[in-house]
Amino acid sequence: MTKKLSSTKTLGLAAAWASLGANYESVDRTDPKHQEFTFSPKVVSTGELAVLTLPVQDLDFIESQWVNKTLVVNAVDYYDALVRLKSLIHSK
């Protein structure tokens, strides 16, 4: 199963992806003022079977809901994701 990566420089969208179950892949700190977060769909493997629990299309759907201001997330999960992502920004 190939991974489709999605990336964003928007901390809020990155936190939304993380809080809804996307897998964090990396952060590009090349531009200190505009870090870019990369995520992939959530994949659960059980032996020989790999299942997408958060399909690639869902990352795009989450992004469109984010832009349209219709996205609903658990506030505690979102806050925790923000804290974790901010710690990635400030770690060396």
N, C-alpha and C. Protein backbone atom coordinates (compact mmCIF):
# COMPACT_ATOMS: atom_id res chain seq x y z
N MET A 1 0.86 -1.17 0.00
CA MET A 1 0.00 0.00 0.00
C MET A 1 0.90 1.23 0.00
N THR A 2 0.71 2.10 -0.98
CA THR A 2 1.53 3.30 -1.05
C THR A 2 0.91 4.41 -0.22
N LYS A 3 1.80 5.21 0.35
CA LYS A 3 1.33 6.32 1.18
C LYS A 3 1.19 7.56 0.32
N LYS A 4 0.08 8.24 0.43
CA LYS A 4 -0.05 9.55 -0.16
C LYS A 4 0.15 10.54 0.97
N LEU A 5 1.14 11.39 0.81
CA LEU A 5 1.43 12.37 1.85
C LEU A 5 0.68 13.67 1.57
N SER A 6 0.22 14.29 2.62
CA SER A 6 -0.40 15.61 2.54
C SER A 6 0.39 16.53 3.44
N SER A 7 0.60 17.76 2.97
CA SER A 7 1.37 18.69 3.79
C SER A 7 0.68 20.04 3.85
N THR A 8 0.99 20.78 4.90
CA THR A 8 0.43 22.11 5.11
C THR A 8 1.38 22.95 5.94
N LYS A 9 1.33 24.24 5.71
CA LYS A 9 2.07 25.19 6.53
C LYS A 9 1.14 25.83 7.57
N THR A 10 -0.12 25.42 7.58
CA THR A 10 -1.11 25.95 8.51
C THR A 10 -1.16 25.09 9.77
N LEU A 11 -0.71 25.64 10.88
CA LEU A 11 -0.66 24.89 12.13
C LEU A 11 -2.04 24.37 12.53
N GLY A 12 -3.07 25.16 12.35
CA GLY A 12 -4.42 24.74 12.73
C GLY A 12 -4.89 23.53 11.94
N LEU A 13 -4.64 23.52 10.63
CA LEU A 13 -5.02 22.37 9.81
C LEU A 13 -4.20 21.15 10.19
N ALA A 14 -2.92 21.34 10.43
CA ALA A 14 -2.07 20.22 10.86
C ALA A 14 -2.59 19.63 12.17
N ALA A 15 -2.99 20.48 13.09
CA ALA A 15 -3.55 20.00 14.36
C ALA A 15 -4.87 19.27 14.14
N ALA A 16 -5.68 19.75 13.20
CA ALA A 16 -6.94 19.07 12.89
C ALA A 16 -6.66 17.68 12.34
N TRP A 17 -5.74 17.58 11.38
CA TRP A 17 -5.38 16.26 10.84
C TRP A 17 -4.92 15.33 11.95
N ALA A 18 -4.02 15.83 12.80
CA ALA A 18 -3.48 15.01 13.89
C ALA A 18 -4.58 14.59 14.87
N SER A 19 -5.46 15.52 15.21
CA SER A 19 -6.49 15.21 16.20
C SER A 19 -7.52 14.22 15.65
N LEU A 20 -7.64 14.13 14.33
CA LEU A 20 -8.60 13.21 13.72
C LEU A 20 -7.96 11.90 13.27
N GLY A 21 -6.67 11.71 13.62
CA GLY A 21 -6.07 10.39 13.42
C GLY A 21 -5.07 10.24 12.31
N ALA A 22 -4.70 11.31 11.61
CA ALA A 22 -3.68 11.19 10.57
C ALA A 22 -2.32 10.90 11.21
N ASN A 23 -1.45 10.23 10.47
CA ASN A 23 -0.11 9.93 10.96
C ASN A 23 0.83 11.08 10.65
N TYR A 24 1.48 11.62 11.68
CA TYR A 24 2.50 12.65 11.50
C TYR A 24 3.70 11.99 10.84
N GLU A 25 4.24 12.62 9.80
CA GLU A 25 5.42 12.09 9.11
C GLU A 25 6.66 12.94 9.40
N SER A 26 6.55 14.28 9.21
CA SER A 26 7.73 15.12 9.39
C SER A 26 7.33 16.60 9.45
N VAL A 27 8.30 17.42 9.85
CA VAL A 27 8.14 18.87 9.77
C VAL A 27 9.38 19.42 9.09
N ASP A 28 9.18 20.28 8.11
CA ASP A 28 10.27 20.93 7.39
C ASP A 28 10.48 22.30 8.02
N ARG A 29 11.64 22.47 8.65
CA ARG A 29 11.95 23.73 9.33
C ARG A 29 12.86 24.62 8.50
N THR A 30 12.97 24.39 7.19
CA THR A 30 13.85 25.16 6.33
C THR A 30 13.58 26.65 6.44
N ASP A 31 12.31 27.03 6.41
CA ASP A 31 11.91 28.42 6.59
C ASP A 31 11.38 28.55 8.02
N PRO A 32 12.14 29.18 8.93
CA PRO A 32 11.73 29.24 10.34
C PRO A 32 10.36 29.87 10.58
N LYS A 33 9.90 30.72 9.68
CA LYS A 33 8.62 31.37 9.88
C LYS A 33 7.45 30.60 9.26
N HIS A 34 7.75 29.61 8.45
CA HIS A 34 6.70 28.86 7.76
C HIS A 34 7.05 27.37 7.71
N GLN A 35 6.99 26.70 8.85
CA GLN A 35 7.26 25.27 8.88
C GLN A 35 6.17 24.53 8.12
N GLU A 36 6.56 23.41 7.49
CA GLU A 36 5.59 22.63 6.74
C GLU A 36 5.46 21.25 7.37
N PHE A 37 4.23 20.91 7.77
CA PHE A 37 3.93 19.63 8.40
C PHE A 37 3.46 18.65 7.35
N THR A 38 3.96 17.42 7.43
CA THR A 38 3.56 16.38 6.48
C THR A 38 2.89 15.24 7.24
N PHE A 39 1.75 14.80 6.71
CA PHE A 39 0.97 13.72 7.30
C PHE A 39 0.64 12.68 6.24
N SER A 40 0.32 11.49 6.71
CA SER A 40 -0.17 10.44 5.81
C SER A 40 -1.44 9.87 6.43
N PRO A 41 -2.24 9.17 5.62
CA PRO A 41 -3.45 8.55 6.17
C PRO A 41 -3.08 7.54 7.25
N LYS A 42 -3.98 7.34 8.17
CA LYS A 42 -3.79 6.36 9.25
C LYS A 42 -3.96 4.96 8.67
N VAL A 43 -2.95 4.12 8.86
CA VAL A 43 -2.99 2.75 8.37
C VAL A 43 -2.81 1.82 9.56
N VAL A 44 -3.67 0.84 9.67
CA VAL A 44 -3.56 -0.17 10.71
C VAL A 44 -3.25 -1.49 10.03
N SER A 45 -2.16 -2.13 10.44
CA SER A 45 -1.78 -3.41 9.86
C SER A 45 -2.08 -4.53 10.84
N THR A 46 -2.70 -5.57 10.31
CA THR A 46 -2.94 -6.78 11.10
C THR A 46 -2.43 -7.95 10.27
N GLY A 47 -1.20 -8.34 10.53
CA GLY A 47 -0.60 -9.42 9.75
C GLY A 47 -0.37 -8.97 8.32
N GLU A 48 -0.97 -9.67 7.37
CA GLU A 48 -0.79 -9.35 5.96
C GLU A 48 -1.78 -8.30 5.46
N LEU A 49 -2.74 -7.94 6.29
CA LEU A 49 -3.79 -7.01 5.87
C LEU A 49 -3.50 -5.61 6.41
N ALA A 50 -3.51 -4.63 5.52
CA ALA A 50 -3.35 -3.23 5.93
C ALA A 50 -4.64 -2.50 5.60
N VAL A 51 -5.16 -1.78 6.56
CA VAL A 51 -6.44 -1.10 6.40
C VAL A 51 -6.25 0.39 6.65
N LEU A 52 -6.76 1.21 5.73
CA LEU A 52 -6.75 2.65 5.94
C LEU A 52 -7.91 2.99 6.87
N THR A 53 -7.60 3.50 8.06
CA THR A 53 -8.67 3.91 8.97
C THR A 53 -9.03 5.37 8.76
N LEU A 54 -8.13 6.13 8.17
CA LEU A 54 -8.41 7.51 7.78
C LEU A 54 -7.93 7.62 6.34
N PRO A 55 -8.80 7.37 5.37
CA PRO A 55 -8.37 7.32 3.97
C PRO A 55 -7.79 8.63 3.48
N VAL A 56 -7.02 8.54 2.40
CA VAL A 56 -6.39 9.71 1.79
C VAL A 56 -7.43 10.79 1.49
N GLN A 57 -8.57 10.37 0.96
CA GLN A 57 -9.61 11.32 0.62
C GLN A 57 -10.09 12.09 1.84
N ASP A 58 -10.03 11.45 3.00
CA ASP A 58 -10.48 12.12 4.21
C ASP A 58 -9.58 13.30 4.57
N LEU A 59 -8.28 13.20 4.30
CA LEU A 59 -7.39 14.33 4.56
C LEU A 59 -7.80 15.53 3.71
N ASP A 60 -8.14 15.27 2.44
CA ASP A 60 -8.61 16.34 1.56
C ASP A 60 -9.96 16.87 2.04
N PHE A 61 -10.83 15.98 2.47
CA PHE A 61 -12.15 16.38 2.97
C PHE A 61 -12.03 17.22 4.24
N ILE A 62 -11.14 16.79 5.14
CA ILE A 62 -10.89 17.56 6.37
C ILE A 62 -10.40 18.95 6.01
N GLU A 63 -9.50 19.03 5.04
CA GLU A 63 -8.98 20.33 4.62
C GLU A 63 -10.10 21.21 4.05
N SER A 64 -10.98 20.65 3.25
CA SER A 64 -12.06 21.46 2.69
C SER A 64 -13.04 21.90 3.79
N GLN A 65 -13.28 21.03 4.77
CA GLN A 65 -14.13 21.44 5.89
C GLN A 65 -13.45 22.53 6.71
N TRP A 66 -12.13 22.42 6.87
CA TRP A 66 -11.36 23.44 7.59
C TRP A 66 -11.53 24.80 6.90
N VAL A 67 -11.34 24.82 5.58
CA VAL A 67 -11.45 26.05 4.82
C VAL A 67 -12.86 26.61 4.88
N ASN A 68 -13.86 25.74 4.83
CA ASN A 68 -15.26 26.16 4.84
C ASN A 68 -15.81 26.44 6.24
N LYS A 69 -14.97 26.25 7.25
CA LYS A 69 -15.34 26.49 8.65
C LYS A 69 -16.48 25.59 9.12
N THR A 70 -16.50 24.35 8.62
CA THR A 70 -17.53 23.40 9.03
C THR A 70 -16.95 22.19 9.75
N LEU A 71 -15.64 22.18 9.96
CA LEU A 71 -14.98 21.04 10.60
C LEU A 71 -15.31 21.00 12.09
N VAL A 72 -15.63 19.80 12.57
CA VAL A 72 -15.91 19.60 13.99
C VAL A 72 -14.88 18.60 14.52
N VAL A 73 -14.18 18.98 15.59
CA VAL A 73 -13.20 18.11 16.22
C VAL A 73 -13.40 18.13 17.73
N ASN A 74 -12.86 17.12 18.39
CA ASN A 74 -12.87 17.09 19.84
C ASN A 74 -11.89 18.15 20.33
N ALA A 75 -12.35 19.06 21.16
CA ALA A 75 -11.53 20.19 21.62
C ALA A 75 -10.27 19.73 22.35
N VAL A 76 -10.37 18.71 23.18
CA VAL A 76 -9.21 18.23 23.95
C VAL A 76 -8.19 17.60 23.00
N ASP A 77 -8.64 16.79 22.05
CA ASP A 77 -7.73 16.18 21.08
C ASP A 77 -7.05 17.26 20.23
N TYR A 78 -7.81 18.27 19.83
CA TYR A 78 -7.26 19.35 19.03
C TYR A 78 -6.20 20.13 19.81
N TYR A 79 -6.49 20.45 21.05
CA TYR A 79 -5.54 21.16 21.90
C TYR A 79 -4.26 20.33 22.09
N ASP A 80 -4.42 19.05 22.38
CA ASP A 80 -3.25 18.17 22.55
C ASP A 80 -2.40 18.13 21.27
N ALA A 81 -3.06 18.07 20.12
CA ALA A 81 -2.34 18.05 18.85
C ALA A 81 -1.58 19.37 18.64
N LEU A 82 -2.21 20.49 18.97
CA LEU A 82 -1.53 21.79 18.87
C LEU A 82 -0.28 21.83 19.74
N VAL A 83 -0.40 21.37 20.97
CA VAL A 83 0.74 21.37 21.89
C VAL A 83 1.87 20.51 21.34
N ARG A 84 1.54 19.31 20.85
CA ARG A 84 2.56 18.42 20.30
C ARG A 84 3.24 19.02 19.07
N LEU A 85 2.46 19.61 18.17
CA LEU A 85 3.03 20.20 16.96
C LEU A 85 3.89 21.41 17.29
N LYS A 86 3.45 22.23 18.24
CA LYS A 86 4.26 23.38 18.64
C LYS A 86 5.58 22.93 19.25
N SER A 87 5.56 21.82 19.98
CA SER A 87 6.82 21.32 20.55
C SER A 87 7.76 20.85 19.44
N LEU A 88 7.23 20.34 18.34
CA LEU A 88 8.06 19.98 17.19
C LEU A 88 8.69 21.19 16.54
N ILE A 89 7.92 22.27 16.47
CA ILE A 89 8.44 23.52 15.87
C ILE A 89 9.62 24.04 16.67
N HIS A 90 9.50 23.99 17.99
CA HIS A 90 10.51 24.63 18.84
C HIS A 90 11.63 23.70 19.26
N SER A 91 11.54 22.40 18.94
CA SER A 91 12.63 21.49 19.28
C SER A 91 13.71 21.57 18.21
N LYS A 92 14.89 21.29 18.59
CA LYS A 92 16.02 21.34 17.64
C LYS A 92 16.47 19.96 17.28
